[in-house]
Amino acid sequence: MTTQMMIRIDDEVKAKFGRLARLQGKTASGMIRELIEDYIRDRDIGAYIDDLWDRTGKKLTSKGVGPSVIDKAIKASRRSRG
């Protein structure tokens, strides 16, 4: 589902933005949607952390490291701090 968002900008800014968007083969609305999505992605720390864990898990799995090895490493690390 999509919804509208209204913003107010100067006429000159709107015109320049529209021209720049068209130069990239996009509409102003499409460009604004893209900019907002990029903004959210760049600042959403939760998604960044989830992606980091996913990449870390895939890398460990590809090297044959399974959950039991990770669990043993965590326990050993906690004991050594103890």
N, C-alpha and C. Protein backbone atom coordinates (compact mmCIF):
# COMPACT_ATOMS: atom_id res chain seq x y z
N MET A 1 0.84 -1.18 0.00
CA MET A 1 0.00 0.00 0.00
C MET A 1 0.89 1.24 0.00
N THR A 2 0.55 2.18 -0.80
CA THR A 2 1.28 3.44 -0.82
C THR A 2 0.39 4.55 -0.30
N THR A 3 1.02 5.59 0.16
CA THR A 3 0.29 6.75 0.66
C THR A 3 1.02 8.01 0.23
N GLN A 4 0.36 9.12 0.33
CA GLN A 4 0.97 10.38 -0.08
C GLN A 4 1.65 11.06 1.08
N MET A 5 2.70 11.82 0.74
CA MET A 5 3.37 12.67 1.70
C MET A 5 3.49 14.03 1.02
N MET A 6 3.04 15.05 1.67
CA MET A 6 3.13 16.39 1.07
C MET A 6 4.27 17.15 1.73
N ILE A 7 5.06 17.80 0.89
CA ILE A 7 6.14 18.66 1.40
C ILE A 7 6.03 20.01 0.70
N ARG A 8 6.59 21.00 1.31
CA ARG A 8 6.60 22.33 0.71
C ARG A 8 8.05 22.71 0.43
N ILE A 9 8.30 23.09 -0.83
CA ILE A 9 9.63 23.55 -1.22
C ILE A 9 9.48 24.75 -2.15
N ASP A 10 10.54 25.50 -2.28
CA ASP A 10 10.53 26.66 -3.18
C ASP A 10 10.31 26.21 -4.62
N ASP A 11 9.68 27.06 -5.41
CA ASP A 11 9.44 26.75 -6.82
C ASP A 11 10.74 26.48 -7.57
N GLU A 12 11.76 27.27 -7.28
CA GLU A 12 13.05 27.10 -7.96
C GLU A 12 13.68 25.75 -7.62
N VAL A 13 13.62 25.36 -6.36
CA VAL A 13 14.16 24.06 -5.94
C VAL A 13 13.39 22.94 -6.62
N LYS A 14 12.08 23.06 -6.67
CA LYS A 14 11.24 22.05 -7.30
C LYS A 14 11.59 21.89 -8.78
N ALA A 15 11.75 23.00 -9.45
CA ALA A 15 12.08 22.95 -10.88
C ALA A 15 13.45 22.31 -11.11
N LYS A 16 14.44 22.70 -10.34
CA LYS A 16 15.78 22.13 -10.48
C LYS A 16 15.77 20.64 -10.17
N PHE A 17 15.07 20.27 -9.11
CA PHE A 17 14.99 18.87 -8.74
C PHE A 17 14.32 18.06 -9.84
N GLY A 18 13.24 18.58 -10.38
CA GLY A 18 12.53 17.89 -11.46
C GLY A 18 13.44 17.69 -12.67
N ARG A 19 14.21 18.71 -13.03
CA ARG A 19 15.14 18.59 -14.16
C ARG A 19 16.20 17.54 -13.90
N LEU A 20 16.77 17.56 -12.71
CA LEU A 20 17.80 16.58 -12.37
C LEU A 20 17.25 15.16 -12.36
N ALA A 21 16.04 14.99 -11.86
CA ALA A 21 15.41 13.67 -11.86
C ALA A 21 15.20 13.18 -13.29
N ARG A 22 14.70 14.05 -14.16
CA ARG A 22 14.47 13.67 -15.56
C ARG A 22 15.77 13.30 -16.26
N LEU A 23 16.86 13.98 -15.92
CA LEU A 23 18.16 13.64 -16.51
C LEU A 23 18.58 12.21 -16.17
N GLN A 24 18.09 11.71 -15.06
CA GLN A 24 18.38 10.34 -14.66
C GLN A 24 17.27 9.38 -15.10
N GLY A 25 16.32 9.89 -15.87
CA GLY A 25 15.23 9.05 -16.37
C GLY A 25 14.21 8.70 -15.32
N LYS A 26 14.07 9.55 -14.32
CA LYS A 26 13.13 9.29 -13.22
C LYS A 26 12.18 10.46 -13.06
N THR A 27 11.08 10.19 -12.40
CA THR A 27 10.17 11.27 -12.03
C THR A 27 10.65 11.85 -10.71
N ALA A 28 10.20 13.05 -10.40
CA ALA A 28 10.55 13.66 -9.12
C ALA A 28 10.05 12.78 -7.97
N SER A 29 8.85 12.25 -8.09
CA SER A 29 8.31 11.37 -7.04
C SER A 29 9.15 10.12 -6.87
N GLY A 30 9.55 9.52 -7.99
CA GLY A 30 10.39 8.34 -7.93
C GLY A 30 11.72 8.62 -7.28
N MET A 31 12.29 9.76 -7.62
CA MET A 31 13.58 10.15 -7.05
C MET A 31 13.45 10.40 -5.54
N ILE A 32 12.38 11.06 -5.12
CA ILE A 32 12.17 11.31 -3.69
C ILE A 32 11.99 10.00 -2.94
N ARG A 33 11.20 9.07 -3.52
CA ARG A 33 11.04 7.76 -2.88
C ARG A 33 12.39 7.08 -2.70
N GLU A 34 13.21 7.11 -3.75
CA GLU A 34 14.53 6.50 -3.70
C GLU A 34 15.41 7.15 -2.63
N LEU A 35 15.38 8.48 -2.58
CA LEU A 35 16.19 9.19 -1.58
C LEU A 35 15.75 8.86 -0.16
N ILE A 36 14.45 8.77 0.06
CA ILE A 36 13.94 8.44 1.39
C ILE A 36 14.32 7.01 1.77
N GLU A 37 14.18 6.07 0.83
CA GLU A 37 14.56 4.68 1.09
C GLU A 37 16.05 4.59 1.42
N ASP A 38 16.89 5.29 0.67
CA ASP A 38 18.34 5.32 0.94
C ASP A 38 18.62 5.90 2.33
N TYR A 39 17.93 6.97 2.66
CA TYR A 39 18.10 7.62 3.96
C TYR A 39 17.79 6.65 5.09
N ILE A 40 16.67 5.95 4.98
CA ILE A 40 16.27 4.99 6.00
C ILE A 40 17.26 3.85 6.09
N ARG A 41 17.65 3.29 4.95
CA ARG A 41 18.59 2.17 4.93
C ARG A 41 19.92 2.57 5.57
N ASP A 42 20.40 3.78 5.28
CA ASP A 42 21.68 4.23 5.81
C ASP A 42 21.65 4.51 7.30
N ARG A 43 20.48 4.73 7.86
CA ARG A 43 20.38 5.11 9.26
C ARG A 43 19.68 4.08 10.14
N ASP A 44 19.21 2.99 9.56
CA ASP A 44 18.49 1.97 10.32
C ASP A 44 19.49 0.98 10.90
N ILE A 45 19.94 1.24 12.12
CA ILE A 45 20.98 0.44 12.75
C ILE A 45 20.51 -1.00 12.96
N GLY A 46 19.24 -1.21 13.22
CA GLY A 46 18.72 -2.57 13.42
C GLY A 46 18.90 -3.42 12.17
N ALA A 47 18.56 -2.87 11.03
CA ALA A 47 18.74 -3.60 9.77
C ALA A 47 20.21 -3.84 9.48
N TYR A 48 21.05 -2.86 9.82
CA TYR A 48 22.50 -3.02 9.62
C TYR A 48 23.03 -4.18 10.47
N ILE A 49 22.61 -4.23 11.72
CA ILE A 49 23.08 -5.29 12.62
C ILE A 49 22.56 -6.64 12.15
N ASP A 50 21.29 -6.73 11.75
CA ASP A 50 20.75 -7.98 11.23
C ASP A 50 21.56 -8.46 10.02
N ASP A 51 21.87 -7.53 9.12
CA ASP A 51 22.66 -7.88 7.94
C ASP A 51 24.06 -8.34 8.34
N LEU A 52 24.66 -7.67 9.32
CA LEU A 52 25.98 -8.05 9.79
C LEU A 52 25.98 -9.47 10.37
N TRP A 53 24.98 -9.78 11.19
CA TRP A 53 24.87 -11.13 11.74
C TRP A 53 24.66 -12.16 10.65
N ASP A 54 23.84 -11.82 9.66
CA ASP A 54 23.59 -12.73 8.54
C ASP A 54 24.88 -13.02 7.77
N ARG A 55 25.62 -11.96 7.46
CA ARG A 55 26.89 -12.15 6.72
C ARG A 55 27.90 -12.93 7.55
N THR A 56 27.96 -12.64 8.85
CA THR A 56 28.88 -13.35 9.74
C THR A 56 28.52 -14.83 9.80
N GLY A 57 27.24 -15.12 9.96
CA GLY A 57 26.78 -16.51 10.00
C GLY A 57 27.10 -17.27 8.73
N LYS A 58 26.89 -16.63 7.59
CA LYS A 58 27.19 -17.28 6.30
C LYS A 58 28.69 -17.54 6.15
N LYS A 59 29.49 -16.59 6.58
CA LYS A 59 30.95 -16.76 6.48
C LYS A 59 31.41 -17.91 7.38
N LEU A 60 30.91 -17.95 8.61
CA LEU A 60 31.29 -19.04 9.52
C LEU A 60 30.83 -20.39 8.99
N THR A 61 29.60 -20.45 8.48
CA THR A 61 29.06 -21.69 7.93
C THR A 61 29.90 -22.17 6.76
N SER A 62 30.31 -21.23 5.90
CA SER A 62 31.12 -21.61 4.73
C SER A 62 32.48 -22.16 5.13
N LYS A 63 32.94 -21.82 6.34
CA LYS A 63 34.22 -22.32 6.84
C LYS A 63 34.04 -23.54 7.73
N GLY A 64 32.81 -24.06 7.79
CA GLY A 64 32.54 -25.27 8.56
C GLY A 64 32.35 -25.05 10.05
N VAL A 65 32.15 -23.82 10.45
CA VAL A 65 31.95 -23.51 11.87
C VAL A 65 30.45 -23.56 12.15
N GLY A 66 30.06 -24.46 13.04
CA GLY A 66 28.65 -24.62 13.37
C GLY A 66 28.30 -24.03 14.72
N PRO A 67 27.03 -24.11 15.08
CA PRO A 67 26.56 -23.54 16.35
C PRO A 67 27.28 -24.09 17.58
N SER A 68 27.61 -25.39 17.58
CA SER A 68 28.27 -25.97 18.76
C SER A 68 29.66 -25.37 18.95
N VAL A 69 30.37 -25.12 17.87
CA VAL A 69 31.71 -24.52 17.96
C VAL A 69 31.59 -23.09 18.50
N ILE A 70 30.61 -22.36 18.01
CA ILE A 70 30.40 -20.99 18.45
C ILE A 70 30.03 -20.96 19.94
N ASP A 71 29.14 -21.87 20.34
CA ASP A 71 28.72 -21.94 21.74
C ASP A 71 29.92 -22.22 22.65
N LYS A 72 30.78 -23.16 22.25
CA LYS A 72 31.98 -23.48 23.05
C LYS A 72 32.90 -22.26 23.14
N ALA A 73 33.06 -21.53 22.05
CA ALA A 73 33.94 -20.36 22.05
C ALA A 73 33.39 -19.27 22.97
N ILE A 74 32.07 -19.09 22.96
CA ILE A 74 31.46 -18.07 23.84
C ILE A 74 31.66 -18.46 25.31
N LYS A 75 31.42 -19.74 25.63
CA LYS A 75 31.58 -20.19 27.02
C LYS A 75 33.03 -20.06 27.47
N ALA A 76 33.98 -20.41 26.61
CA ALA A 76 35.40 -20.30 26.96
C ALA A 76 35.78 -18.84 27.19
N SER A 77 35.26 -17.96 26.36
CA SER A 77 35.55 -16.54 26.51
C SER A 77 34.99 -16.00 27.82
N ARG A 78 33.80 -16.43 28.18
CA ARG A 78 33.19 -15.95 29.42
C ARG A 78 33.95 -16.48 30.64
N ARG A 79 34.41 -17.74 30.55
CA ARG A 79 35.19 -18.30 31.67
C ARG A 79 36.51 -17.56 31.87
N SER A 80 37.13 -17.18 30.76
CA SER A 80 38.44 -16.51 30.86
C SER A 80 38.33 -15.11 31.43
N ARG A 81 37.16 -14.50 31.34
CA ARG A 81 36.94 -13.16 31.90
C ARG A 81 36.64 -13.22 33.39
N GLY A 82 36.18 -14.40 33.81
CA GLY A 82 35.63 -14.63 35.09
C GLY A 82 36.23 -14.29 36.33
